[in-house]
């Protein structure tokens, strides 16, 4: 799944899901290949749905998607 960071708070945030209604909670502990400090509202994330410690559904395996410009720069550097 993919979505855009809607809100960031102290170590957690909410993702506006591209397909569907509503927002999904995510915690910094569920980030993969990036740090919470790198995130900004409006960035695109990929994620899977899973169960949190409290038994509620939340985003897990959350990864920052490369922006088109970043992807082109990486290809040019190679």
Foldseek 3Di string as FASTA:
>chain_A
DKFFFADDDDQKGWTQDPPDGDIFIDGQVQEDPDGPVVDDGGFMWDFDWDADPVRDIHTHHIYTDDDPVRVVVVVVVD
